């Protein structure tokens, strides 16, 4: 797995009170998912900090950072589980 994703996942876990998971799809795009309850203003700051950490380790990467509540996560995974492989 990409060192930048590991660093991003570690940073995300430091910033949220919840669970962090990482997935990759068949095209090599990564998805960092934080399962937590937070407001939108806080979420924007968290995403910025995680991206800053990721880009300390790479110049280019295809990554999506999702912050969602547990029920939204369950629904998202039901729809996307066949396309994603868990890597962390």
PDB file of N, CA and C in Angstrom:
ATOM      1  N   UNK A   1       0.838  -1.179   0.000  1.00  0.00           N
ATOM      2  CA  UNK A   1       0.000   0.000   0.000  1.00  0.00           C
ATOM      3  C   UNK A   1       0.883   1.242   0.000  1.00  0.00           C
ATOM      4  N   UNK A   2       0.368   2.264  -0.539  1.00  0.00           N
ATOM      5  CA  UNK A   2       1.058   3.541  -0.679  1.00  0.00           C
ATOM      6  C   UNK A   2       1.354   4.176   0.688  1.00  0.00           C
ATOM      7  N   UNK A   3       2.603   4.612   0.896  1.00  0.00           N
ATOM      8  CA  UNK A   3       2.993   5.262   2.156  1.00  0.00           C
ATOM      9  C   UNK A   3       2.166   6.511   2.438  1.00  0.00           C
ATOM     10  N   UNK A   4       1.779   7.217   1.392  1.00  0.00           N
ATOM     11  CA  UNK A   4       0.974   8.425   1.571  1.00  0.00           C
ATOM     12  C   UNK A   4      -0.394   8.089   2.162  1.00  0.00           C
ATOM     13  N   UNK A   5      -0.968   6.975   1.758  1.00  0.00           N
ATOM     14  CA  UNK A   5      -2.269   6.554   2.287  1.00  0.00           C
ATOM     15  C   UNK A   5      -2.143   6.160   3.752  1.00  0.00           C
ATOM     16  N   UNK A   6      -1.074   5.470   4.085  1.00  0.00           N
ATOM     17  CA  UNK A   6      -0.843   5.102   5.483  1.00  0.00           C
ATOM     18  C   UNK A   6      -0.720   6.361   6.340  1.00  0.00           C
ATOM     19  N   UNK A   7       0.053   7.332   5.866  1.00  0.00           N
ATOM     20  CA  UNK A   7       0.225   8.590   6.600  1.00  0.00           C
ATOM     21  C   UNK A   7      -1.102   9.337   6.720  1.00  0.00           C
ATOM     22  N   UNK A   8      -1.877   9.358   5.641  1.00  0.00           N
ATOM     23  CA  UNK A   8      -3.178  10.024   5.669  1.00  0.00           C
ATOM     24  C   UNK A   8      -4.144   9.352   6.627  1.00  0.00           C
ATOM     25  N   UNK A   9      -4.147   8.027   6.641  1.00  0.00           N
ATOM     26  CA  UNK A   9      -5.024   7.293   7.554  1.00  0.00           C
ATOM     27  C   UNK A   9      -4.628   7.540   9.007  1.00  0.00           C
ATOM     28  N   UNK A  10      -3.335   7.577   9.257  1.00  0.00           N
ATOM     29  CA  UNK A  10      -2.858   7.853  10.617  1.00  0.00           C
ATOM     30  C   UNK A  10      -3.287   9.254  11.061  1.00  0.00           C
ATOM     31  N   UNK A  11      -3.119  10.231  10.178  1.00  0.00           N
ATOM     32  CA  UNK A  11      -3.516  11.606  10.496  1.00  0.00           C
ATOM     33  C   UNK A  11      -5.021  11.687  10.739  1.00  0.00           C
ATOM     34  N   UNK A  12      -5.796  11.025   9.895  1.00  0.00           N
ATOM     35  CA  UNK A  12      -7.250  11.034  10.050  1.00  0.00           C
ATOM     36  C   UNK A  12      -7.654  10.427  11.389  1.00  0.00           C
ATOM     37  N   UNK A  13      -7.009   9.336  11.776  1.00  0.00           N
ATOM     38  CA  UNK A  13      -7.356   8.711  13.055  1.00  0.00           C
ATOM     39  C   UNK A  13      -6.990   9.602  14.241  1.00  0.00           C
ATOM     40  N   UNK A  14      -5.971  10.447  14.078  1.00  0.00           N
ATOM     41  CA  UNK A  14      -5.611  11.401  15.137  1.00  0.00           C
ATOM     42  C   UNK A  14      -6.651  12.518  15.272  1.00  0.00           C
ATOM     43  N   UNK A  15      -7.330  12.825  14.175  1.00  0.00           N
ATOM     44  CA  UNK A  15      -8.217  13.988  14.134  1.00  0.00           C
ATOM     45  C   UNK A  15      -9.681  13.696  14.441  1.00  0.00           C
ATOM     46  N   UNK A  16     -10.075  12.438  14.333  1.00  0.00           N
ATOM     47  CA  UNK A  16     -11.485  12.120  14.569  1.00  0.00           C
ATOM     48  C   UNK A  16     -11.626  11.193  15.764  1.00  0.00           C
ATOM     49  N   UNK A  17     -12.792  11.216  16.341  1.00  0.00           N
ATOM     50  CA  UNK A  17     -13.139  10.275  17.395  1.00  0.00           C
ATOM     51  C   UNK A  17     -14.011   9.220  16.738  1.00  0.00           C
ATOM     52  N   UNK A  18     -13.359   8.269  16.069  1.00  0.00           N
ATOM     53  CA  UNK A  18     -14.095   7.254  15.334  1.00  0.00           C
ATOM     54  C   UNK A  18     -13.148   6.283  14.665  1.00  0.00           C
ATOM     55  N   UNK A  19     -13.669   5.544  13.719  1.00  0.00           N
ATOM     56  CA  UNK A  19     -12.933   4.504  13.013  1.00  0.00           C
ATOM     57  C   UNK A  19     -12.460   5.020  11.663  1.00  0.00           C
ATOM     58  N   UNK A  20     -11.275   4.572  11.243  1.00  0.00           N
ATOM     59  CA  UNK A  20     -10.739   4.925   9.927  1.00  0.00           C
ATOM     60  C   UNK A  20     -10.505   3.644   9.143  1.00  0.00           C
ATOM     61  N   UNK A  21     -10.965   3.634   7.902  1.00  0.00           N
ATOM     62  CA  UNK A  21     -10.729   2.510   7.005  1.00  0.00           C
ATOM     63  C   UNK A  21     -10.218   3.048   5.681  1.00  0.00           C
ATOM     64  N   UNK A  22      -9.441   2.226   4.985  1.00  0.00           N
ATOM     65  CA  UNK A  22      -8.907   2.610   3.677  1.00  0.00           C
ATOM     66  C   UNK A  22      -9.245   1.521   2.672  1.00  0.00           C
ATOM     67  N   UNK A  23      -9.619   1.943   1.482  1.00  0.00           N
ATOM     68  CA  UNK A  23      -9.994   1.035   0.402  1.00  0.00           C
ATOM     69  C   UNK A  23      -9.314   1.487  -0.881  1.00  0.00           C
ATOM     70  N   UNK A  24      -9.216   0.563  -1.825  1.00  0.00           N
ATOM     71  CA  UNK A  24      -8.723   0.882  -3.157  1.00  0.00           C
ATOM     72  C   UNK A  24      -9.690   0.248  -4.158  1.00  0.00           C
ATOM     73  N   UNK A  25      -9.906   0.922  -5.277  1.00  0.00           N
ATOM     74  CA  UNK A  25     -10.765   0.339  -6.307  1.00  0.00           C
ATOM     75  C   UNK A  25      -9.906  -0.264  -7.411  1.00  0.00           C
ATOM     76  N   UNK A  26     -10.542  -0.819  -8.414  1.00  0.00           N
ATOM     77  CA  UNK A  26      -9.809  -1.521  -9.476  1.00  0.00           C
ATOM     78  C   UNK A  26      -8.941  -0.594 -10.318  1.00  0.00           C
ATOM     79  N   UNK A  27      -9.192   0.695 -10.280  1.00  0.00           N
ATOM     80  CA  UNK A  27      -8.380   1.663 -11.019  1.00  0.00           C
ATOM     81  C   UNK A  27      -7.206   2.190 -10.198  1.00  0.00           C
ATOM     82  N   UNK A  28      -7.095   1.751  -8.943  1.00  0.00           N
ATOM     83  CA  UNK A  28      -6.018   2.214  -8.081  1.00  0.00           C
ATOM     84  C   UNK A  28      -6.336   3.487  -7.321  1.00  0.00           C
ATOM     85  N   UNK A  29      -7.581   3.901  -7.348  1.00  0.00           N
ATOM     86  CA  UNK A  29      -7.999   5.079  -6.580  1.00  0.00           C
ATOM     87  C   UNK A  29      -8.236   4.668  -5.133  1.00  0.00           C
ATOM     88  N   UNK A  30      -7.747   5.490  -4.221  1.00  0.00           N
ATOM     89  CA  UNK A  30      -7.881   5.204  -2.794  1.00  0.00           C
ATOM     90  C   UNK A  30      -9.043   5.973  -2.188  1.00  0.00           C
ATOM     91  N   UNK A  31      -9.606   5.387  -1.141  1.00  0.00           N
ATOM     92  CA  UNK A  31     -10.701   5.994  -0.387  1.00  0.00           C
ATOM     93  C   UNK A  31     -10.364   5.884   1.090  1.00  0.00           C
ATOM     94  N   UNK A  32     -10.191   7.010   1.743  1.00  0.00           N
ATOM     95  CA  UNK A  32     -10.026   7.043   3.195  1.00  0.00           C
ATOM     96  C   UNK A  32     -11.377   7.403   3.782  1.00  0.00           C
ATOM     97  N   UNK A  33     -11.876   6.553   4.656  1.00  0.00           N
ATOM     98  CA  UNK A  33     -13.202   6.768   5.225  1.00  0.00           C
ATOM     99  C   UNK A  33     -13.083   6.896   6.736  1.00  0.00           C
ATOM    100  N   UNK A  34     -13.552   8.025   7.240  1.00  0.00           N
ATOM    101  CA  UNK A  34     -13.634   8.248   8.676  1.00  0.00           C
ATOM    102  C   UNK A  34     -15.075   8.112   9.104  1.00  0.00           C
ATOM    103  N   UNK A  35     -15.325   7.190  10.017  1.00  0.00           N
ATOM    104  CA  UNK A  35     -16.684   6.943  10.488  1.00  0.00           C
ATOM    105  C   UNK A  35     -16.828   7.653  11.829  1.00  0.00           C
ATOM    106  N   UNK A  36     -17.557   8.771  11.805  1.00  0.00           N
ATOM    107  CA  UNK A  36     -17.629   9.635  12.979  1.00  0.00           C
ATOM    108  C   UNK A  36     -18.804  10.594  12.859  1.00  0.00           C
ATOM    109  N   UNK A  37     -19.121  11.261  13.935  1.00  0.00           N
ATOM    110  CA  UNK A  37     -20.156  12.304  13.938  1.00  0.00           C
ATOM    111  C   UNK A  37     -19.476  13.646  14.136  1.00  0.00           C
ATOM    112  N   UNK A  38     -19.503  14.507  13.118  1.00  0.00           N
ATOM    113  CA  UNK A  38     -18.904  15.833  13.210  1.00  0.00           C
ATOM    114  C   UNK A  38     -19.692  16.790  12.333  1.00  0.00           C
ATOM    115  N   UNK A  39     -19.510  18.076  12.577  1.00  0.00           N
ATOM    116  CA  UNK A  39     -20.198  19.062  11.753  1.00  0.00           C
ATOM    117  C   UNK A  39     -19.387  19.374  10.494  1.00  0.00           C
ATOM    118  N   UNK A  40     -20.034  19.948   9.508  1.00  0.00           N
ATOM    119  CA  UNK A  40     -19.404  20.201   8.206  1.00  0.00           C
ATOM    120  C   UNK A  40     -18.182  21.106   8.296  1.00  0.00           C
ATOM    121  N   UNK A  41     -18.226  22.100   9.137  1.00  0.00           N
ATOM    122  CA  UNK A  41     -17.098  23.025   9.270  1.00  0.00           C
ATOM    123  C   UNK A  41     -15.857  22.276   9.771  1.00  0.00           C
ATOM    124  N   UNK A  42     -16.046  21.402  10.740  1.00  0.00           N
ATOM    125  CA  UNK A  42     -14.945  20.596  11.260  1.00  0.00           C
ATOM    126  C   UNK A  42     -14.450  19.635  10.185  1.00  0.00           C
ATOM    127  N   UNK A  43     -15.363  19.039   9.447  1.00  0.00           N
ATOM    128  CA  UNK A  43     -14.986  18.094   8.397  1.00  0.00           C
ATOM    129  C   UNK A  43     -14.061  18.730   7.373  1.00  0.00           C
ATOM    130  N   UNK A  44     -14.339  19.948   6.966  1.00  0.00           N
ATOM    131  CA  UNK A  44     -13.512  20.629   5.965  1.00  0.00           C
ATOM    132  C   UNK A  44     -12.087  20.813   6.468  1.00  0.00           C
ATOM    133  N   UNK A  45     -11.943  21.187   7.721  1.00  0.00           N
ATOM    134  CA  UNK A  45     -10.596  21.350   8.294  1.00  0.00           C
ATOM    135  C   UNK A  45      -9.865  20.017   8.364  1.00  0.00           C
ATOM    136  N   UNK A  46     -10.584  18.970   8.725  1.00  0.00           N
ATOM    137  CA  UNK A  46      -9.970  17.647   8.819  1.00  0.00           C
ATOM    138  C   UNK A  46      -9.482  17.194   7.452  1.00  0.00           C
ATOM    139  N   UNK A  47     -10.307  17.329   6.432  1.00  0.00           N
ATOM    140  CA  UNK A  47      -9.920  16.916   5.080  1.00  0.00           C
ATOM    141  C   UNK A  47      -8.674  17.670   4.628  1.00  0.00           C
ATOM    142  N   UNK A  48      -8.619  18.956   4.883  1.00  0.00           N
ATOM    143  CA  UNK A  48      -7.445  19.753   4.508  1.00  0.00           C
ATOM    144  C   UNK A  48      -6.191  19.243   5.206  1.00  0.00           C
ATOM    145  N   UNK A  49      -6.283  18.959   6.488  1.00  0.00           N
ATOM    146  CA  UNK A  49      -5.119  18.475   7.232  1.00  0.00           C
ATOM    147  C   UNK A  49      -4.667  17.100   6.752  1.00  0.00           C
ATOM    148  N   UNK A  50      -5.612  16.233   6.427  1.00  0.00           N
ATOM    149  CA  UNK A  50      -5.263  14.898   5.932  1.00  0.00           C
ATOM    150  C   UNK A  50      -4.597  15.007   4.558  1.00  0.00           C
ATOM    151  N   UNK A  51      -5.145  15.831   3.683  1.00  0.00           N
ATOM    152  CA  UNK A  51      -4.519  16.022   2.368  1.00  0.00           C
ATOM    153  C   UNK A  51      -3.121  16.616   2.495  1.00  0.00           C
ATOM    154  N   UNK A  52      -2.939  17.567   3.400  1.00  0.00           N
ATOM    155  CA  UNK A  52      -1.605  18.130   3.632  1.00  0.00           C
ATOM    156  C   UNK A  52      -0.624  17.033   4.026  1.00  0.00           C
ATOM    157  N   UNK A  53      -1.055  16.122   4.880  1.00  0.00           N
ATOM    158  CA  UNK A  53      -0.184  15.017   5.314  1.00  0.00           C
ATOM    159  C   UNK A  53       0.114  14.069   4.154  1.00  0.00           C
ATOM    160  N   UNK A  54      -0.895  13.747   3.369  1.00  0.00           N
ATOM    161  CA  UNK A  54      -0.709  12.851   2.222  1.00  0.00           C
ATOM    162  C   UNK A  54       0.305  13.438   1.250  1.00  0.00           C
ATOM    163  N   UNK A  55       0.187  14.726   0.956  1.00  0.00           N
ATOM    164  CA  UNK A  55       1.068  15.341  -0.042  1.00  0.00           C
ATOM    165  C   UNK A  55       2.477  15.622   0.480  1.00  0.00           C
ATOM    166  N   UNK A  56       2.733  15.335   1.738  1.00  0.00           N
ATOM    167  CA  UNK A  56       4.114  15.327   2.234  1.00  0.00           C
ATOM    168  C   UNK A  56       4.852  14.086   1.733  1.00  0.00           C
ATOM    169  N   UNK A  57       4.088  13.072   1.312  1.00  0.00           N
ATOM    170  CA  UNK A  57       4.654  11.778   0.940  1.00  0.00           C
ATOM    171  C   UNK A  57       4.572  11.469  -0.551  1.00  0.00           C
ATOM    172  N   UNK A  58       3.878  12.302  -1.303  1.00  0.00           N
ATOM    173  CA  UNK A  58       3.743  12.056  -2.740  1.00  0.00           C
ATOM    174  C   UNK A  58       3.359  13.352  -3.448  1.00  0.00           C
ATOM    175  N   UNK A  59       3.681  13.413  -4.726  1.00  0.00           N
ATOM    176  CA  UNK A  59       3.281  14.567  -5.531  1.00  0.00           C
ATOM    177  C   UNK A  59       1.943  14.343  -6.218  1.00  0.00           C
ATOM    178  N   UNK A  60       1.590  13.066  -6.396  1.00  0.00           N
ATOM    179  CA  UNK A  60       0.380  12.762  -7.144  1.00  0.00           C
ATOM    180  C   UNK A  60      -0.254  11.479  -6.610  1.00  0.00           C
ATOM    181  N   UNK A  61      -1.543  11.552  -6.333  1.00  0.00           N
ATOM    182  CA  UNK A  61      -2.285  10.377  -5.875  1.00  0.00           C
ATOM    183  C   UNK A  61      -3.768  10.639  -6.098  1.00  0.00           C
ATOM    184  N   UNK A  62      -4.494   9.599  -6.405  1.00  0.00           N
ATOM    185  CA  UNK A  62      -5.936   9.713  -6.571  1.00  0.00           C
ATOM    186  C   UNK A  62      -6.576   9.214  -5.279  1.00  0.00           C
ATOM    187  N   UNK A  63      -7.045  10.144  -4.454  1.00  0.00           N
ATOM    188  CA  UNK A  63      -7.609   9.786  -3.155  1.00  0.00           C
ATOM    189  C   UNK A  63      -8.876  10.590  -2.896  1.00  0.00           C
ATOM    190  N   UNK A  64      -9.837   9.919  -2.301  1.00  0.00           N
ATOM    191  CA  UNK A  64     -11.070  10.552  -1.857  1.00  0.00           C
ATOM    192  C   UNK A  64     -11.162  10.355  -0.355  1.00  0.00           C
ATOM    193  N   UNK A  65     -11.458  11.416   0.361  1.00  0.00           N
ATOM    194  CA  UNK A  65     -11.610  11.342   1.811  1.00  0.00           C
ATOM    195  C   UNK A  65     -13.082  11.539   2.128  1.00  0.00           C
ATOM    196  N   UNK A  66     -13.650  10.561   2.798  1.00  0.00           N
ATOM    197  CA  UNK A  66     -15.060  10.611   3.165  1.00  0.00           C
ATOM    198  C   UNK A  66     -15.186  10.590   4.679  1.00  0.00           C
ATOM    199  N   UNK A  67     -15.985  11.479   5.216  1.00  0.00           N
ATOM    200  CA  UNK A  67     -16.307  11.492   6.639  1.00  0.00           C
ATOM    201  C   UNK A  67     -17.808  11.310   6.746  1.00  0.00           C
ATOM    202  N   UNK A  68     -18.227  10.258   7.438  1.00  0.00           N
ATOM    203  CA  UNK A  68     -19.654   9.963   7.485  1.00  0.00           C
ATOM    204  C   UNK A  68     -20.042   9.274   8.781  1.00  0.00           C
ATOM    205  N   UNK A  69     -21.322   9.361   9.084  1.00  0.00           N
ATOM    206  CA  UNK A  69     -21.864   8.679  10.250  1.00  0.00           C
ATOM    207  C   UNK A  69     -21.954   7.184   9.961  1.00  0.00           C
ATOM    208  N   UNK A  70     -22.087   6.396  11.014  1.00  0.00           N
ATOM    209  CA  UNK A  70     -22.077   4.940  10.889  1.00  0.00           C
ATOM    210  C   UNK A  70     -23.164   4.418   9.942  1.00  0.00           C
ATOM    211  N   UNK A  71     -24.376   4.944  10.037  1.00  0.00           N
ATOM    212  CA  UNK A  71     -25.457   4.473   9.165  1.00  0.00           C
ATOM    213  C   UNK A  71     -25.184   4.812   7.702  1.00  0.00           C
ATOM    214  N   UNK A  72     -24.645   5.995   7.459  1.00  0.00           N
ATOM    215  CA  UNK A  72     -24.297   6.385   6.089  1.00  0.00           C
ATOM    216  C   UNK A  72     -23.181   5.491   5.556  1.00  0.00           C
ATOM    217  N   UNK A  73     -22.229   5.146   6.418  1.00  0.00           N
ATOM    218  CA  UNK A  73     -21.133   4.254   6.025  1.00  0.00           C
ATOM    219  C   UNK A  73     -21.677   2.885   5.622  1.00  0.00           C
ATOM    220  N   UNK A  74     -22.581   2.342   6.422  1.00  0.00           N
ATOM    221  CA  UNK A  74     -23.162   1.030   6.107  1.00  0.00           C
ATOM    222  C   UNK A  74     -23.854   1.061   4.751  1.00  0.00           C
ATOM    223  N   UNK A  75     -24.624   2.093   4.503  1.00  0.00           N
ATOM    224  CA  UNK A  75     -25.321   2.236   3.223  1.00  0.00           C
ATOM    225  C   UNK A  75     -24.335   2.381   2.069  1.00  0.00           C
ATOM    226  N   UNK A  76     -23.307   3.199   2.258  1.00  0.00           N
ATOM    227  CA  UNK A  76     -22.279   3.408   1.229  1.00  0.00           C
ATOM    228  C   UNK A  76     -21.590   2.090   0.888  1.00  0.00           C
ATOM    229  N   UNK A  77     -21.234   1.313   1.904  1.00  0.00           N
ATOM    230  CA  UNK A  77     -20.525   0.064   1.664  1.00  0.00           C
ATOM    231  C   UNK A  77     -21.421  -0.982   1.008  1.00  0.00           C
ATOM    232  N   UNK A  78     -22.695  -0.995   1.347  1.00  0.00           N
ATOM    233  CA  UNK A  78     -23.615  -1.919   0.691  1.00  0.00           C
ATOM    234  C   UNK A  78     -23.655  -1.666  -0.808  1.00  0.00           C
ATOM    235  N   UNK A  79     -23.609  -0.409  -1.195  1.00  0.00           N
ATOM    236  CA  UNK A  79     -23.669  -0.041  -2.607  1.00  0.00           C
ATOM    237  C   UNK A  79     -22.335  -0.219  -3.319  1.00  0.00           C
ATOM    238  N   UNK A  80     -21.223  -0.135  -2.598  1.00  0.00           N
ATOM    239  CA  UNK A  80     -19.905  -0.094  -3.234  1.00  0.00           C
ATOM    240  C   UNK A  80     -18.974  -1.240  -2.876  1.00  0.00           C
ATOM    241  N   UNK A  81     -19.410  -2.191  -2.052  1.00  0.00           N
ATOM    242  CA  UNK A  81     -18.496  -3.218  -1.558  1.00  0.00           C
ATOM    243  C   UNK A  81     -17.876  -4.066  -2.663  1.00  0.00           C
ATOM    244  N   UNK A  82     -18.582  -4.281  -3.750  1.00  0.00           N
ATOM    245  CA  UNK A  82     -18.021  -5.105  -4.823  1.00  0.00           C
ATOM    246  C   UNK A  82     -16.920  -4.383  -5.594  1.00  0.00           C
ATOM    247  N   UNK A  83     -16.884  -3.068  -5.519  1.00  0.00           N
ATOM    248  CA  UNK A  83     -15.895  -2.287  -6.269  1.00  0.00           C
ATOM    249  C   UNK A  83     -14.675  -1.904  -5.438  1.00  0.00           C
ATOM    250  N   UNK A  84     -14.740  -2.133  -4.122  1.00  0.00           N
ATOM    251  CA  UNK A  84     -13.665  -1.678  -3.240  1.00  0.00           C
ATOM    252  C   UNK A  84     -13.004  -2.843  -2.520  1.00  0.00           C
ATOM    253  N   UNK A  85     -11.687  -2.744  -2.384  1.00  0.00           N
ATOM    254  CA  UNK A  85     -10.916  -3.734  -1.629  1.00  0.00           C
ATOM    255  C   UNK A  85     -10.320  -3.027  -0.416  1.00  0.00           C
ATOM    256  N   UNK A  86     -10.571  -3.575   0.766  1.00  0.00           N
ATOM    257  CA  UNK A  86     -10.052  -2.953   1.992  1.00  0.00           C
ATOM    258  C   UNK A  86      -8.542  -3.157   2.072  1.00  0.00           C
ATOM    259  N   UNK A  87      -7.831  -2.074   2.355  1.00  0.00           N
ATOM    260  CA  UNK A  87      -6.373  -2.137   2.457  1.00  0.00           C
ATOM    261  C   UNK A  87      -5.876  -1.719   3.836  1.00  0.00           C
ATOM    262  N   UNK A  88      -6.769  -1.240   4.673  1.00  0.00           N
ATOM    263  CA  UNK A  88      -6.374  -0.830   6.025  1.00  0.00           C
ATOM    264  C   UNK A  88      -7.576  -0.854   6.937  1.00  0.00           C
TER     265      UNK A  88
END
